[in-house]
């Protein structure tokens, strides 16, 4: 459950938010965490938040794939972080404007995520 902010995963969540963390470093940390059985919704959410901050398109898609592969339920918090990461990463990593190829893909990905997660209880 992504709402359970366990002490077990607090270091992982904190690492996801390090300003100098690169896309590859983050993905490596997540891979090790998955191997160690330390992935939960809160870690996936933190990773998606970092993807949004960095406008990391490929990492966003890889985090989503990892979430699904590990059987982490797409609850409203994860869904919202994923949608924010998709929206942010449509913009080019540097400079201004949107990446046209990403724009064509984002709507379908967002619709799929929206339909998978249960409604937000609030």
PDB file of N, CA and C in Angstrom:
ATOM      1  N   UNK A   1       0.847  -1.183   0.000  1.00  0.00           N
ATOM      2  CA  UNK A   1       0.000   0.000   0.000  1.00  0.00           C
ATOM      3  C   UNK A   1       0.887   1.240   0.000  1.00  0.00           C
ATOM      4  N   UNK A   2       0.659   2.145  -0.955  1.00  0.00           N
ATOM      5  CA  UNK A   2       1.526   3.317  -1.079  1.00  0.00           C
ATOM      6  C   UNK A   2       1.331   4.300   0.061  1.00  0.00           C
ATOM      7  N   UNK A   3       0.226   4.194   0.793  1.00  0.00           N
ATOM      8  CA  UNK A   3       0.012   5.100   1.908  1.00  0.00           C
ATOM      9  C   UNK A   3       0.861   4.763   3.120  1.00  0.00           C
ATOM     10  N   UNK A   4       1.422   3.579   3.152  1.00  0.00           N
ATOM     11  CA  UNK A   4       2.244   3.160   4.291  1.00  0.00           C
ATOM     12  C   UNK A   4       3.668   3.645   4.089  1.00  0.00           C
ATOM     13  N   UNK A   5       4.002   4.721   4.759  1.00  0.00           N
ATOM     14  CA  UNK A   5       5.336   5.301   4.642  1.00  0.00           C
ATOM     15  C   UNK A   5       6.229   4.645   5.670  1.00  0.00           C
ATOM     16  N   UNK A   6       6.773   3.494   5.322  1.00  0.00           N
ATOM     17  CA  UNK A   6       7.531   2.717   6.284  1.00  0.00           C
ATOM     18  C   UNK A   6       8.942   3.256   6.469  1.00  0.00           C
ATOM     19  N   UNK A   7       9.472   3.016   7.660  1.00  0.00           N
ATOM     20  CA  UNK A   7      10.858   3.377   7.940  1.00  0.00           C
ATOM     21  C   UNK A   7      11.793   2.564   7.064  1.00  0.00           C
ATOM     22  N   UNK A   8      11.339   1.358   6.712  1.00  0.00           N
ATOM     23  CA  UNK A   8      12.131   0.461   5.870  1.00  0.00           C
ATOM     24  C   UNK A   8      12.495   1.090   4.525  1.00  0.00           C
ATOM     25  N   UNK A   9      11.618   1.921   4.008  1.00  0.00           N
ATOM     26  CA  UNK A   9      11.839   2.506   2.681  1.00  0.00           C
ATOM     27  C   UNK A   9      12.152   3.999   2.730  1.00  0.00           C
ATOM     28  N   UNK A  10      12.277   4.574   3.924  1.00  0.00           N
ATOM     29  CA  UNK A  10      12.486   6.024   4.018  1.00  0.00           C
ATOM     30  C   UNK A  10      13.797   6.464   3.359  1.00  0.00           C
ATOM     31  N   UNK A  11      14.862   5.670   3.486  1.00  0.00           N
ATOM     32  CA  UNK A  11      16.133   6.031   2.853  1.00  0.00           C
ATOM     33  C   UNK A  11      16.008   6.043   1.336  1.00  0.00           C
ATOM     34  N   UNK A  12      15.260   5.093   0.803  1.00  0.00           N
ATOM     35  CA  UNK A  12      15.051   5.049  -0.647  1.00  0.00           C
ATOM     36  C   UNK A  12      14.299   6.283  -1.129  1.00  0.00           C
ATOM     37  N   UNK A  13      13.234   6.635  -0.409  1.00  0.00           N
ATOM     38  CA  UNK A  13      12.459   7.821  -0.807  1.00  0.00           C
ATOM     39  C   UNK A  13      13.332   9.070  -0.751  1.00  0.00           C
ATOM     40  N   UNK A  14      14.148   9.170   0.279  1.00  0.00           N
ATOM     41  CA  UNK A  14      15.033  10.333   0.415  1.00  0.00           C
ATOM     42  C   UNK A  14      16.042  10.377  -0.725  1.00  0.00           C
ATOM     43  N   UNK A  15      16.603   9.218  -1.084  1.00  0.00           N
ATOM     44  CA  UNK A  15      17.572   9.175  -2.180  1.00  0.00           C
ATOM     45  C   UNK A  15      16.957   9.604  -3.506  1.00  0.00           C
ATOM     46  N   UNK A  16      15.677   9.278  -3.697  1.00  0.00           N
ATOM     47  CA  UNK A  16      15.009   9.654  -4.946  1.00  0.00           C
ATOM     48  C   UNK A  16      14.972  11.174  -5.133  1.00  0.00           C
ATOM     49  N   UNK A  17      15.021  11.901  -4.038  1.00  0.00           N
ATOM     50  CA  UNK A  17      14.882  13.359  -4.118  1.00  0.00           C
ATOM     51  C   UNK A  17      16.210  14.113  -4.084  1.00  0.00           C
ATOM     52  N   UNK A  18      17.321  13.394  -4.097  1.00  0.00           N
ATOM     53  CA  UNK A  18      18.628  14.061  -4.124  1.00  0.00           C
ATOM     54  C   UNK A  18      18.767  14.842  -5.426  1.00  0.00           C
ATOM     55  N   UNK A  19      19.111  16.128  -5.327  1.00  0.00           N
ATOM     56  CA  UNK A  19      19.148  16.977  -6.529  1.00  0.00           C
ATOM     57  C   UNK A  19      20.149  16.530  -7.594  1.00  0.00           C
ATOM     58  N   UNK A  20      21.229  15.900  -7.187  1.00  0.00           N
ATOM     59  CA  UNK A  20      22.249  15.495  -8.162  1.00  0.00           C
ATOM     60  C   UNK A  20      22.051  14.071  -8.672  1.00  0.00           C
ATOM     61  N   UNK A  21      20.997  13.434  -8.247  1.00  0.00           N
ATOM     62  CA  UNK A  21      20.718  12.062  -8.671  1.00  0.00           C
ATOM     63  C   UNK A  21      20.419  12.045 -10.170  1.00  0.00           C
ATOM     64  N   UNK A  22      21.159  11.227 -10.898  1.00  0.00           N
ATOM     65  CA  UNK A  22      20.919  11.128 -12.338  1.00  0.00           C
ATOM     66  C   UNK A  22      19.828  10.093 -12.612  1.00  0.00           C
ATOM     67  N   UNK A  23      19.338  10.134 -13.811  1.00  0.00           N
ATOM     68  CA  UNK A  23      18.319   9.181 -14.258  1.00  0.00           C
ATOM     69  C   UNK A  23      18.825   7.744 -14.095  1.00  0.00           C
ATOM     70  N   UNK A  24      20.041   7.485 -14.553  1.00  0.00           N
ATOM     71  CA  UNK A  24      20.603   6.131 -14.466  1.00  0.00           C
ATOM     72  C   UNK A  24      20.835   5.705 -13.026  1.00  0.00           C
ATOM     73  N   UNK A  25      21.281   6.617 -12.177  1.00  0.00           N
ATOM     74  CA  UNK A  25      21.483   6.286 -10.768  1.00  0.00           C
ATOM     75  C   UNK A  25      20.153   5.901 -10.121  1.00  0.00           C
ATOM     76  N   UNK A  26      19.113   6.681 -10.411  1.00  0.00           N
ATOM     77  CA  UNK A  26      17.812   6.390  -9.831  1.00  0.00           C
ATOM     78  C   UNK A  26      17.317   5.010 -10.262  1.00  0.00           C
ATOM     79  N   UNK A  27      17.440   4.712 -11.538  1.00  0.00           N
ATOM     80  CA  UNK A  27      16.979   3.422 -12.044  1.00  0.00           C
ATOM     81  C   UNK A  27      17.783   2.271 -11.437  1.00  0.00           C
ATOM     82  N   UNK A  28      19.056   2.487 -11.226  1.00  0.00           N
ATOM     83  CA  UNK A  28      19.897   1.478 -10.592  1.00  0.00           C
ATOM     84  C   UNK A  28      19.470   1.237  -9.140  1.00  0.00           C
ATOM     85  N   UNK A  29      19.201   2.302  -8.419  1.00  0.00           N
ATOM     86  CA  UNK A  29      18.729   2.197  -7.033  1.00  0.00           C
ATOM     87  C   UNK A  29      17.417   1.412  -6.984  1.00  0.00           C
ATOM     88  N   UNK A  30      16.516   1.714  -7.903  1.00  0.00           N
ATOM     89  CA  UNK A  30      15.234   1.016  -7.945  1.00  0.00           C
ATOM     90  C   UNK A  30      15.406  -0.467  -8.264  1.00  0.00           C
ATOM     91  N   UNK A  31      16.324  -0.774  -9.150  1.00  0.00           N
ATOM     92  CA  UNK A  31      16.571  -2.160  -9.518  1.00  0.00           C
ATOM     93  C   UNK A  31      17.073  -2.962  -8.317  1.00  0.00           C
ATOM     94  N   UNK A  32      18.021  -2.392  -7.584  1.00  0.00           N
ATOM     95  CA  UNK A  32      18.545  -3.055  -6.384  1.00  0.00           C
ATOM     96  C   UNK A  32      17.434  -3.193  -5.339  1.00  0.00           C
ATOM     97  N   UNK A  33      16.639  -2.141  -5.178  1.00  0.00           N
ATOM     98  CA  UNK A  33      15.533  -2.185  -4.207  1.00  0.00           C
ATOM     99  C   UNK A  33      14.534  -3.282  -4.576  1.00  0.00           C
ATOM    100  N   UNK A  34      14.261  -3.436  -5.862  1.00  0.00           N
ATOM    101  CA  UNK A  34      13.346  -4.496  -6.308  1.00  0.00           C
ATOM    102  C   UNK A  34      13.930  -5.865  -5.982  1.00  0.00           C
ATOM    103  N   UNK A  35      15.216  -6.027  -6.261  1.00  0.00           N
ATOM    104  CA  UNK A  35      15.881  -7.306  -5.952  1.00  0.00           C
ATOM    105  C   UNK A  35      15.844  -7.616  -4.461  1.00  0.00           C
ATOM    106  N   UNK A  36      15.908  -6.564  -3.637  1.00  0.00           N
ATOM    107  CA  UNK A  36      15.912  -6.727  -2.177  1.00  0.00           C
ATOM    108  C   UNK A  36      14.506  -6.750  -1.575  1.00  0.00           C
ATOM    109  N   UNK A  37      13.478  -6.632  -2.420  1.00  0.00           N
ATOM    110  CA  UNK A  37      12.100  -6.653  -1.931  1.00  0.00           C
ATOM    111  C   UNK A  37      11.701  -5.393  -1.178  1.00  0.00           C
ATOM    112  N   UNK A  38      12.331  -4.277  -1.511  1.00  0.00           N
ATOM    113  CA  UNK A  38      12.067  -3.031  -0.790  1.00  0.00           C
ATOM    114  C   UNK A  38      11.184  -2.038  -1.551  1.00  0.00           C
ATOM    115  N   UNK A  39      10.640  -2.444  -2.674  1.00  0.00           N
ATOM    116  CA  UNK A  39       9.799  -1.510  -3.424  1.00  0.00           C
ATOM    117  C   UNK A  39       8.383  -1.519  -2.876  1.00  0.00           C
ATOM    118  N   UNK A  40       7.845  -0.336  -2.689  1.00  0.00           N
ATOM    119  CA  UNK A  40       6.431  -0.193  -2.364  1.00  0.00           C
ATOM    120  C   UNK A  40       5.921   1.043  -3.087  1.00  0.00           C
ATOM    121  N   UNK A  41       4.671   1.328  -2.908  1.00  0.00           N
ATOM    122  CA  UNK A  41       4.070   2.462  -3.604  1.00  0.00           C
ATOM    123  C   UNK A  41       4.720   3.786  -3.268  1.00  0.00           C
ATOM    124  N   UNK A  42       5.182   3.944  -2.030  1.00  0.00           N
ATOM    125  CA  UNK A  42       5.795   5.213  -1.644  1.00  0.00           C
ATOM    126  C   UNK A  42       7.118   5.440  -2.378  1.00  0.00           C
ATOM    127  N   UNK A  43       7.876   4.368  -2.601  1.00  0.00           N
ATOM    128  CA  UNK A  43       9.151   4.484  -3.332  1.00  0.00           C
ATOM    129  C   UNK A  43       8.873   4.764  -4.806  1.00  0.00           C
ATOM    130  N   UNK A  44       7.896   4.069  -5.365  1.00  0.00           N
ATOM    131  CA  UNK A  44       7.524   4.319  -6.768  1.00  0.00           C
ATOM    132  C   UNK A  44       7.054   5.765  -6.925  1.00  0.00           C
ATOM    133  N   UNK A  45       6.233   6.241  -5.989  1.00  0.00           N
ATOM    134  CA  UNK A  45       5.763   7.627  -6.047  1.00  0.00           C
ATOM    135  C   UNK A  45       6.905   8.628  -5.976  1.00  0.00           C
ATOM    136  N   UNK A  46       7.876   8.375  -5.099  1.00  0.00           N
ATOM    137  CA  UNK A  46       9.036   9.266  -4.982  1.00  0.00           C
ATOM    138  C   UNK A  46       9.860   9.246  -6.267  1.00  0.00           C
ATOM    139  N   UNK A  47      10.006   8.068  -6.860  1.00  0.00           N
ATOM    140  CA  UNK A  47      10.753   7.966  -8.115  1.00  0.00           C
ATOM    141  C   UNK A  47      10.037   8.720  -9.236  1.00  0.00           C
ATOM    142  N   UNK A  48       8.728   8.588  -9.296  1.00  0.00           N
ATOM    143  CA  UNK A  48       7.969   9.307 -10.328  1.00  0.00           C
ATOM    144  C   UNK A  48       8.033  10.811 -10.114  1.00  0.00           C
ATOM    145  N   UNK A  49       8.048  11.232  -8.864  1.00  0.00           N
ATOM    146  CA  UNK A  49       8.197  12.658  -8.558  1.00  0.00           C
ATOM    147  C   UNK A  49       9.538  13.170  -9.070  1.00  0.00           C
ATOM    148  N   UNK A  50      10.601  12.390  -8.867  1.00  0.00           N
ATOM    149  CA  UNK A  50      11.927  12.775  -9.355  1.00  0.00           C
ATOM    150  C   UNK A  50      11.949  12.794 -10.877  1.00  0.00           C
ATOM    151  N   UNK A  51      11.260  11.841 -11.495  1.00  0.00           N
ATOM    152  CA  UNK A  51      11.167  11.835 -12.962  1.00  0.00           C
ATOM    153  C   UNK A  51      10.516  13.123 -13.469  1.00  0.00           C
ATOM    154  N   UNK A  52       9.474  13.565 -12.775  1.00  0.00           N
ATOM    155  CA  UNK A  52       8.800  14.812 -13.167  1.00  0.00           C
ATOM    156  C   UNK A  52       9.747  15.992 -13.026  1.00  0.00           C
ATOM    157  N   UNK A  53      10.479  16.045 -11.923  1.00  0.00           N
ATOM    158  CA  UNK A  53      11.417  17.148 -11.700  1.00  0.00           C
ATOM    159  C   UNK A  53      12.475  17.209 -12.801  1.00  0.00           C
ATOM    160  N   UNK A  54      12.954  16.038 -13.226  1.00  0.00           N
ATOM    161  CA  UNK A  54      14.003  15.994 -14.237  1.00  0.00           C
ATOM    162  C   UNK A  54      13.500  15.935 -15.664  1.00  0.00           C
ATOM    163  N   UNK A  55      12.172  15.867 -15.828  1.00  0.00           N
ATOM    164  CA  UNK A  55      11.563  15.704 -17.157  1.00  0.00           C
ATOM    165  C   UNK A  55      12.121  14.464 -17.850  1.00  0.00           C
ATOM    166  N   UNK A  56      12.205  13.371 -17.092  1.00  0.00           N
ATOM    167  CA  UNK A  56      12.812  12.139 -17.592  1.00  0.00           C
ATOM    168  C   UNK A  56      11.761  11.223 -18.207  1.00  0.00           C
ATOM    169  N   UNK A  57      11.610  11.278 -19.484  1.00  0.00           N
ATOM    170  CA  UNK A  57      10.623  10.472 -20.202  1.00  0.00           C
ATOM    171  C   UNK A  57      10.918   8.974 -20.083  1.00  0.00           C
ATOM    172  N   UNK A  58      12.116   8.560 -20.482  1.00  0.00           N
ATOM    173  CA  UNK A  58      12.450   7.133 -20.460  1.00  0.00           C
ATOM    174  C   UNK A  58      12.370   6.562 -19.053  1.00  0.00           C
ATOM    175  N   UNK A  59      12.876   7.298 -18.083  1.00  0.00           N
ATOM    176  CA  UNK A  59      12.834   6.814 -16.694  1.00  0.00           C
ATOM    177  C   UNK A  59      11.386   6.705 -16.212  1.00  0.00           C
ATOM    178  N   UNK A  60      10.546   7.649 -16.581  1.00  0.00           N
ATOM    179  CA  UNK A  60       9.132   7.583 -16.199  1.00  0.00           C
ATOM    180  C   UNK A  60       8.513   6.278 -16.684  1.00  0.00           C
ATOM    181  N   UNK A  61       8.778   5.945 -17.937  1.00  0.00           N
ATOM    182  CA  UNK A  61       8.221   4.717 -18.506  1.00  0.00           C
ATOM    183  C   UNK A  61       8.821   3.473 -17.840  1.00  0.00           C
ATOM    184  N   UNK A  62      10.091   3.536 -17.491  1.00  0.00           N
ATOM    185  CA  UNK A  62      10.737   2.392 -16.841  1.00  0.00           C
ATOM    186  C   UNK A  62      10.249   2.208 -15.403  1.00  0.00           C
ATOM    187  N   UNK A  63      10.022   3.309 -14.701  1.00  0.00           N
ATOM    188  CA  UNK A  63       9.487   3.213 -13.339  1.00  0.00           C
ATOM    189  C   UNK A  63       8.085   2.620 -13.391  1.00  0.00           C
ATOM    190  N   UNK A  64       7.294   3.060 -14.330  1.00  0.00           N
ATOM    191  CA  UNK A  64       5.938   2.522 -14.494  1.00  0.00           C
ATOM    192  C   UNK A  64       5.975   1.023 -14.795  1.00  0.00           C
ATOM    193  N   UNK A  65       6.871   0.629 -15.684  1.00  0.00           N
ATOM    194  CA  UNK A  65       7.018  -0.783 -16.023  1.00  0.00           C
ATOM    195  C   UNK A  65       7.431  -1.597 -14.785  1.00  0.00           C
ATOM    196  N   UNK A  66       8.353  -1.064 -14.007  1.00  0.00           N
ATOM    197  CA  UNK A  66       8.797  -1.729 -12.778  1.00  0.00           C
ATOM    198  C   UNK A  66       7.645  -1.857 -11.781  1.00  0.00           C
ATOM    199  N   UNK A  67       6.882  -0.799 -11.646  1.00  0.00           N
ATOM    200  CA  UNK A  67       5.725  -0.812 -10.741  1.00  0.00           C
ATOM    201  C   UNK A  67       4.770  -1.949 -11.111  1.00  0.00           C
ATOM    202  N   UNK A  68       4.453  -2.063 -12.375  1.00  0.00           N
ATOM    203  CA  UNK A  68       3.524  -3.095 -12.825  1.00  0.00           C
ATOM    204  C   UNK A  68       4.134  -4.484 -12.691  1.00  0.00           C
ATOM    205  N   UNK A  69       5.402  -4.617 -13.052  1.00  0.00           N
ATOM    206  CA  UNK A  69       6.081  -5.914 -12.973  1.00  0.00           C
ATOM    207  C   UNK A  69       6.172  -6.414 -11.535  1.00  0.00           C
ATOM    208  N   UNK A  70       6.368  -5.493 -10.594  1.00  0.00           N
ATOM    209  CA  UNK A  70       6.492  -5.862  -9.183  1.00  0.00           C
ATOM    210  C   UNK A  70       5.134  -6.031  -8.499  1.00  0.00           C
ATOM    211  N   UNK A  71       4.057  -5.788  -9.250  1.00  0.00           N
ATOM    212  CA  UNK A  71       2.713  -5.976  -8.706  1.00  0.00           C
ATOM    213  C   UNK A  71       2.293  -4.902  -7.713  1.00  0.00           C
ATOM    214  N   UNK A  72       2.885  -3.723  -7.831  1.00  0.00           N
ATOM    215  CA  UNK A  72       2.517  -2.610  -6.946  1.00  0.00           C
ATOM    216  C   UNK A  72       1.266  -1.955  -7.513  1.00  0.00           C
ATOM    217  N   UNK A  73       0.219  -1.982  -6.723  1.00  0.00           N
ATOM    218  CA  UNK A  73      -1.086  -1.525  -7.188  1.00  0.00           C
ATOM    219  C   UNK A  73      -1.071  -0.053  -7.591  1.00  0.00           C
ATOM    220  N   UNK A  74      -1.695   0.259  -8.721  1.00  0.00           N
ATOM    221  CA  UNK A  74      -1.750   1.639  -9.207  1.00  0.00           C
ATOM    222  C   UNK A  74      -2.839   2.438  -8.490  1.00  0.00           C
ATOM    223  N   UNK A  75      -2.566   2.808  -7.244  1.00  0.00           N
ATOM    224  CA  UNK A  75      -3.549   3.570  -6.481  1.00  0.00           C
ATOM    225  C   UNK A  75      -3.550   5.034  -6.940  1.00  0.00           C
ATOM    226  N   UNK A  76      -4.478   5.842  -6.432  1.00  0.00           N
ATOM    227  CA  UNK A  76      -4.573   7.234  -6.893  1.00  0.00           C
ATOM    228  C   UNK A  76      -3.282   8.055  -6.709  1.00  0.00           C
ATOM    229  N   UNK A  77      -2.537   7.827  -5.615  1.00  0.00           N
ATOM    230  CA  UNK A  77      -1.308   8.591  -5.404  1.00  0.00           C
ATOM    231  C   UNK A  77      -0.281   8.271  -6.483  1.00  0.00           C
ATOM    232  N   UNK A  78      -0.085   6.994  -6.746  1.00  0.00           N
ATOM    233  CA  UNK A  78       0.874   6.605  -7.788  1.00  0.00           C
ATOM    234  C   UNK A  78       0.400   7.102  -9.148  1.00  0.00           C
ATOM    235  N   UNK A  79      -0.884   6.933  -9.410  1.00  0.00           N
ATOM    236  CA  UNK A  79      -1.437   7.397 -10.695  1.00  0.00           C
ATOM    237  C   UNK A  79      -1.182   8.887 -10.886  1.00  0.00           C
ATOM    238  N   UNK A  80      -1.438   9.683  -9.852  1.00  0.00           N
ATOM    239  CA  UNK A  80      -1.255  11.128  -9.975  1.00  0.00           C
ATOM    240  C   UNK A  80       0.213  11.497 -10.181  1.00  0.00           C
ATOM    241  N   UNK A  81       1.126  10.808  -9.490  1.00  0.00           N
ATOM    242  CA  UNK A  81       2.559  11.057  -9.683  1.00  0.00           C
ATOM    243  C   UNK A  81       2.968  10.677 -11.104  1.00  0.00           C
ATOM    244  N   UNK A  82       2.444   9.590 -11.597  1.00  0.00           N
ATOM    245  CA  UNK A  82       2.746   9.142 -12.960  1.00  0.00           C
ATOM    246  C   UNK A  82       2.236  10.150 -13.988  1.00  0.00           C
ATOM    247  N   UNK A  83       1.012  10.627 -13.788  1.00  0.00           N
ATOM    248  CA  UNK A  83       0.462  11.617 -14.724  1.00  0.00           C
ATOM    249  C   UNK A  83       1.278  12.906 -14.714  1.00  0.00           C
ATOM    250  N   UNK A  84       1.721  13.334 -13.513  1.00  0.00           N
ATOM    251  CA  UNK A  84       2.575  14.533 -13.429  1.00  0.00           C
ATOM    252  C   UNK A  84       3.906  14.309 -14.145  1.00  0.00           C
ATOM    253  N   UNK A  85       4.471  13.125 -13.967  1.00  0.00           N
ATOM    254  CA  UNK A  85       5.748  12.823 -14.623  1.00  0.00           C
ATOM    255  C   UNK A  85       5.588  12.795 -16.141  1.00  0.00           C
ATOM    256  N   UNK A  86       4.491  12.206 -16.616  1.00  0.00           N
ATOM    257  CA  UNK A  86       4.238  12.197 -18.061  1.00  0.00           C
ATOM    258  C   UNK A  86       4.098  13.623 -18.597  1.00  0.00           C
ATOM    259  N   UNK A  87       3.302  14.430 -17.897  1.00  0.00           N
ATOM    260  CA  UNK A  87       3.088  15.810 -18.357  1.00  0.00           C
ATOM    261  C   UNK A  87       4.394  16.597 -18.379  1.00  0.00           C
ATOM    262  N   UNK A  88       5.194  16.435 -17.341  1.00  0.00           N
ATOM    263  CA  UNK A  88       6.461  17.171 -17.268  1.00  0.00           C
ATOM    264  C   UNK A  88       7.439  16.703 -18.336  1.00  0.00           C
ATOM    265  N   UNK A  89       7.470  15.404 -18.583  1.00  0.00           N
ATOM    266  CA  UNK A  89       8.471  14.882 -19.507  1.00  0.00           C
ATOM    267  C   UNK A  89       8.085  15.015 -20.972  1.00  0.00           C
ATOM    268  N   UNK A  90       6.883  15.506 -21.244  1.00  0.00           N
ATOM    269  CA  UNK A  90       6.519  15.827 -22.625  1.00  0.00           C
ATOM    270  C   UNK A  90       7.345  17.022 -23.095  1.00  0.00           C
ATOM    271  N   UNK A  91       7.671  17.885 -22.140  1.00  0.00           N
ATOM    272  CA  UNK A  91       8.533  19.021 -22.479  1.00  0.00           C
ATOM    273  C   UNK A  91       9.945  18.514 -22.726  1.00  0.00           C
ATOM    274  N   UNK A  92      10.654  19.187 -23.586  1.00  0.00           N
ATOM    275  CA  UNK A  92      12.027  18.799 -23.878  1.00  0.00           C
ATOM    276  C   UNK A  92      12.874  18.924 -22.615  1.00  0.00           C
ATOM    277  N   UNK A  93      13.843  18.034 -22.487  1.00  0.00           N
ATOM    278  CA  UNK A  93      14.704  18.027 -21.303  1.00  0.00           C
ATOM    279  C   UNK A  93      15.457  19.344 -21.155  1.00  0.00           C
ATOM    280  N   UNK A  94      15.778  19.951 -22.264  1.00  0.00           N
ATOM    281  CA  UNK A  94      16.472  21.237 -22.226  1.00  0.00           C
ATOM    282  C   UNK A  94      15.760  22.198 -23.166  1.00  0.00           C
ATOM    283  N   UNK A  95      15.731  23.442 -22.783  1.00  0.00           N
ATOM    284  CA  UNK A  95      15.103  24.442 -23.627  1.00  0.00           C
ATOM    285  C   UNK A  95      13.589  24.465 -23.463  1.00  0.00           C
ATOM    286  N   UNK A  96      12.934  24.931 -24.501  1.00  0.00           N
ATOM    287  CA  UNK A  96      11.495  25.130 -24.444  1.00  0.00           C
ATOM    288  C   UNK A  96      10.790  24.256 -25.472  1.00  0.00           C
ATOM    289  N   UNK A  97       9.496  24.099 -25.297  1.00  0.00           N
ATOM    290  CA  UNK A  97       8.681  23.368 -26.251  1.00  0.00           C
ATOM    291  C   UNK A  97       8.488  21.918 -25.863  1.00  0.00           C
ATOM    292  N   UNK A  98       7.616  21.271 -26.612  1.00  0.00           N
ATOM    293  CA  UNK A  98       7.284  19.883 -26.354  1.00  0.00           C
ATOM    294  C   UNK A  98       7.937  18.989 -27.394  1.00  0.00           C
ATOM    295  N   UNK A  99       8.163  17.768 -26.998  1.00  0.00           N
ATOM    296  CA  UNK A  99       8.677  16.747 -27.894  1.00  0.00           C
ATOM    297  C   UNK A  99       7.462  16.122 -28.590  1.00  0.00           C
ATOM    298  N   UNK A 100       7.384  16.257 -29.912  1.00  0.00           N
ATOM    299  CA  UNK A 100       6.204  15.825 -30.667  1.00  0.00           C
ATOM    300  C   UNK A 100       5.944  14.320 -30.537  1.00  0.00           C
ATOM    301  N   UNK A 101       6.984  13.515 -30.546  1.00  0.00           N
ATOM    302  CA  UNK A 101       6.800  12.059 -30.436  1.00  0.00           C
ATOM    303  C   UNK A 101       6.213  11.699 -29.074  1.00  0.00           C
ATOM    304  N   UNK A 102       6.684  12.363 -28.052  1.00  0.00           N
ATOM    305  CA  UNK A 102       6.155  12.110 -26.711  1.00  0.00           C
ATOM    306  C   UNK A 102       4.707  12.557 -26.609  1.00  0.00           C
ATOM    307  N   UNK A 103       4.403  13.690 -27.216  1.00  0.00           N
ATOM    308  CA  UNK A 103       3.029  14.200 -27.182  1.00  0.00           C
ATOM    309  C   UNK A 103       2.056  13.186 -27.754  1.00  0.00           C
ATOM    310  N   UNK A 104       2.451  12.514 -28.824  1.00  0.00           N
ATOM    311  CA  UNK A 104       1.567  11.538 -29.462  1.00  0.00           C
ATOM    312  C   UNK A 104       1.310  10.343 -28.552  1.00  0.00           C
ATOM    313  N   UNK A 105       2.250   9.999 -27.694  1.00  0.00           N
ATOM    314  CA  UNK A 105       2.126   8.817 -26.840  1.00  0.00           C
ATOM    315  C   UNK A 105       1.456   9.098 -25.501  1.00  0.00           C
ATOM    316  N   UNK A 106       1.584  10.319 -25.009  1.00  0.00           N
ATOM    317  CA  UNK A 106       1.223  10.590 -23.623  1.00  0.00           C
ATOM    318  C   UNK A 106      -0.267  10.409 -23.333  1.00  0.00           C
ATOM    319  N   UNK A 107      -1.128  10.773 -24.239  1.00  0.00           N
ATOM    320  CA  UNK A 107      -2.558  10.667 -23.974  1.00  0.00           C
ATOM    321  C   UNK A 107      -2.983   9.213 -23.757  1.00  0.00           C
ATOM    322  N   UNK A 108      -2.503   8.316 -24.599  1.00  0.00           N
ATOM    323  CA  UNK A 108      -2.835   6.901 -24.446  1.00  0.00           C
ATOM    324  C   UNK A 108      -2.305   6.323 -23.139  1.00  0.00           C
ATOM    325  N   UNK A 109      -1.076   6.705 -22.774  1.00  0.00           N
ATOM    326  CA  UNK A 109      -0.494   6.225 -21.513  1.00  0.00           C
ATOM    327  C   UNK A 109      -1.280   6.750 -20.316  1.00  0.00           C
ATOM    328  N   UNK A 110      -1.658   8.019 -20.384  1.00  0.00           N
ATOM    329  CA  UNK A 110      -2.411   8.628 -19.280  1.00  0.00           C
ATOM    330  C   UNK A 110      -3.795   7.991 -19.149  1.00  0.00           C
ATOM    331  N   UNK A 111      -4.469   7.755 -20.259  1.00  0.00           N
ATOM    332  CA  UNK A 111      -5.789   7.112 -20.218  1.00  0.00           C
ATOM    333  C   UNK A 111      -5.703   5.730 -19.596  1.00  0.00           C
ATOM    334  N   UNK A 112      -4.693   4.975 -19.998  1.00  0.00           N
ATOM    335  CA  UNK A 112      -4.517   3.625 -19.464  1.00  0.00           C
ATOM    336  C   UNK A 112      -4.317   3.679 -17.949  1.00  0.00           C
ATOM    337  N   UNK A 113      -3.466   4.578 -17.475  1.00  0.00           N
ATOM    338  CA  UNK A 113      -3.207   4.699 -16.032  1.00  0.00           C
ATOM    339  C   UNK A 113      -4.464   5.133 -15.290  1.00  0.00           C
ATOM    340  N   UNK A 114      -5.206   6.042 -15.863  1.00  0.00           N
ATOM    341  CA  UNK A 114      -6.427   6.542 -15.219  1.00  0.00           C
ATOM    342  C   UNK A 114      -7.438   5.416 -15.034  1.00  0.00           C
ATOM    343  N   UNK A 115      -7.561   4.569 -16.043  1.00  0.00           N
ATOM    344  CA  UNK A 115      -8.534   3.481 -15.987  1.00  0.00           C
ATOM    345  C   UNK A 115      -8.107   2.364 -15.026  1.00  0.00           C
ATOM    346  N   UNK A 116      -6.804   2.214 -14.789  1.00  0.00           N
ATOM    347  CA  UNK A 116      -6.308   1.134 -13.928  1.00  0.00           C
ATOM    348  C   UNK A 116      -6.495   1.429 -12.441  1.00  0.00           C
ATOM    349  N   UNK A 117      -6.329   2.669 -12.050  1.00  0.00           N
ATOM    350  CA  UNK A 117      -6.364   3.009 -10.625  1.00  0.00           C
ATOM    351  C   UNK A 117      -7.794   3.173 -10.151  1.00  0.00           C
ATOM    352  N   UNK A 118      -8.057   2.742  -8.925  1.00  0.00           N
ATOM    353  CA  UNK A 118      -9.389   2.958  -8.378  1.00  0.00           C
ATOM    354  C   UNK A 118      -9.619   4.454  -8.148  1.00  0.00           C
ATOM    355  N   UNK A 119     -10.864   4.886  -8.043  1.00  0.00           N
ATOM    356  CA  UNK A 119     -11.121   6.303  -7.821  1.00  0.00           C
ATOM    357  C   UNK A 119     -10.514   6.775  -6.491  1.00  0.00           C
ATOM    358  N   UNK A 120     -10.144   8.029  -6.474  1.00  0.00           N
ATOM    359  CA  UNK A 120      -9.614   8.638  -5.255  1.00  0.00           C
ATOM    360  C   UNK A 120     -10.758   8.750  -4.247  1.00  0.00           C
ATOM    361  N   UNK A 121     -10.586   8.219  -3.033  1.00  0.00           N
ATOM    362  CA  UNK A 121     -11.682   8.224  -2.060  1.00  0.00           C
ATOM    363  C   UNK A 121     -12.029   9.615  -1.530  1.00  0.00           C
ATOM    364  N   UNK A 122     -11.190  10.596  -1.798  1.00  0.00           N
ATOM    365  CA  UNK A 122     -11.451  11.954  -1.260  1.00  0.00           C
ATOM    366  C   UNK A 122     -12.343  12.759  -2.146  1.00  0.00           C
TER     367      UNK A 122
END
